[in-house]
Amino acid sequence: MAGGWSRDGAVNEQIEASISEELERMRARRAPVGESLTECAECGEDIPEKRRLALPGVKLCIDCQQERDGAFHSRPGINRRGSKDSQLK
C-alpha cells in the first residue's frame, strides 16, 4: 500500500531499482579484462604466475590490489528517488 501521492507498488519498484543498480555496478567491476601483466602496474613487483592463471587480465600484485580494495570510494548511499527531503527543496 502506497501513501500520499505515490501509486501502489511504487516503494517496491524503487527498492528493486536500487538493488538492480547495485548488482550491475558489482558485475561491472567483477573481473579484469585483457592479457595479464607479469609486473604490477603500480609498484613494478612481479605478479606470481598462479595469480595470473587464476585471474586472467590481472594488472596488480596482491599487495597493491588489497590496498586499492581497502580504499574508500564515495558513492551515493541513499535512494534519492523516494526521499521526501529532496522533494521539499
Protein backbone atom coordinates (compact mmCIF):
# COMPACT_ATOMS: atom_id res chain seq x y z
CA MET A 1 0.00 0.00 0.00
CA ALA A 2 1.46 3.32 -1.07
CA GLY A 3 0.80 6.51 0.78
CA GLY A 4 0.49 10.13 -0.27
CA TRP A 5 0.78 10.84 -3.98
CA SER A 6 2.52 7.63 -4.99
CA ARG A 7 0.78 4.75 -6.68
CA ASP A 8 0.56 1.22 -5.29
CA GLY A 9 3.83 -0.66 -5.64
CA ALA A 10 5.97 2.47 -6.07
CA VAL A 11 8.06 1.76 -2.99
CA ASN A 12 8.79 -1.80 -4.11
CA GLU A 13 9.76 -0.53 -7.58
CA GLN A 14 12.23 1.90 -6.01
CA ILE A 15 13.77 -0.86 -3.90
CA GLU A 16 14.05 -3.17 -6.90
CA ALA A 17 15.66 -0.41 -8.98
CA SER A 18 18.23 0.27 -6.24
CA ILE A 19 19.09 -3.43 -5.97
CA SER A 20 19.38 -3.78 -9.75
CA GLU A 21 21.72 -0.77 -9.98
CA GLU A 22 23.97 -2.11 -7.23
CA LEU A 23 24.13 -5.57 -8.83
CA GLU A 24 25.01 -4.02 -12.19
CA ARG A 25 27.76 -1.95 -10.55
CA MET A 26 29.19 -5.07 -8.91
CA ARG A 27 29.10 -7.04 -12.18
CA ALA A 28 30.88 -4.22 -14.00
CA ARG A 29 33.92 -4.39 -11.71
CA ARG A 30 33.90 -8.17 -11.30
CA ALA A 31 36.87 -9.28 -13.40
CA PRO A 32 39.78 -7.66 -15.20
CA VAL A 33 39.92 -7.96 -18.97
CA GLY A 34 42.78 -8.35 -21.42
CA GLU A 35 46.12 -10.03 -21.00
CA SER A 36 47.70 -10.36 -17.55
CA LEU A 37 50.80 -8.35 -16.81
CA THR A 38 53.92 -10.05 -15.47
CA GLU A 39 54.76 -6.98 -13.35
CA CYS A 40 52.44 -4.88 -11.21
CA ALA A 41 51.21 -1.72 -12.96
CA GLU A 42 51.63 0.30 -9.75
CA CYS A 43 54.74 -0.90 -7.92
CA GLY A 44 56.60 -2.94 -10.56
CA GLU A 45 56.83 -6.12 -8.45
CA ASP A 46 56.44 -9.49 -10.17
CA ILE A 47 52.90 -10.89 -10.26
CA PRO A 48 53.01 -14.61 -9.34
CA GLU A 49 52.13 -16.99 -12.16
CA LYS A 50 49.42 -18.66 -10.06
CA ARG A 51 47.68 -15.28 -9.62
CA ARG A 52 47.90 -14.60 -13.38
CA LEU A 53 46.37 -18.00 -14.12
CA ALA A 54 43.63 -17.61 -11.50
CA LEU A 55 42.66 -14.10 -12.66
CA PRO A 56 43.25 -13.64 -16.39
CA GLY A 57 43.79 -9.96 -17.12
CA VAL A 58 45.19 -9.11 -13.69
CA LYS A 59 47.24 -5.89 -13.59
CA LEU A 60 48.14 -5.51 -9.90
CA CYS A 61 50.09 -7.57 -7.37
CA ILE A 62 48.29 -8.83 -4.29
CA ASP A 63 49.54 -6.02 -2.01
CA CYS A 64 48.51 -3.24 -4.40
CA GLN A 65 45.13 -4.88 -5.04
CA GLN A 66 44.45 -5.18 -1.31
CA GLU A 67 45.39 -1.53 -0.83
CA ARG A 68 43.06 -0.49 -3.65
CA ASP A 69 40.21 -2.66 -2.34
CA GLY A 70 40.57 -1.13 1.11
CA ALA A 71 40.49 2.46 -0.20
CA PHE A 72 37.34 4.48 0.42
CA HIS A 73 35.20 5.04 -2.68
CA SER A 74 32.47 7.62 -2.32
CA ARG A 75 29.14 6.67 -3.82
CA PRO A 76 25.58 7.61 -3.01
CA GLY A 77 24.23 5.60 -0.11
CA ILE A 78 20.63 6.71 -0.17
CA ASN A 79 17.79 6.28 -2.59
CA ARG A 80 17.07 9.84 -3.65
CA ARG A 81 14.16 8.80 -5.86
CA GLY A 82 11.96 8.26 -2.86
CA SER A 83 13.45 10.83 -0.49
CA LYS A 84 10.84 13.25 0.76
CA ASP A 85 13.61 15.65 1.74
CA SER A 86 14.64 16.01 -1.91
CA GLN A 87 11.05 16.93 -2.80
CA LEU A 88 10.91 19.68 -0.18
CA LYS A 89 13.85 21.68 -1.58
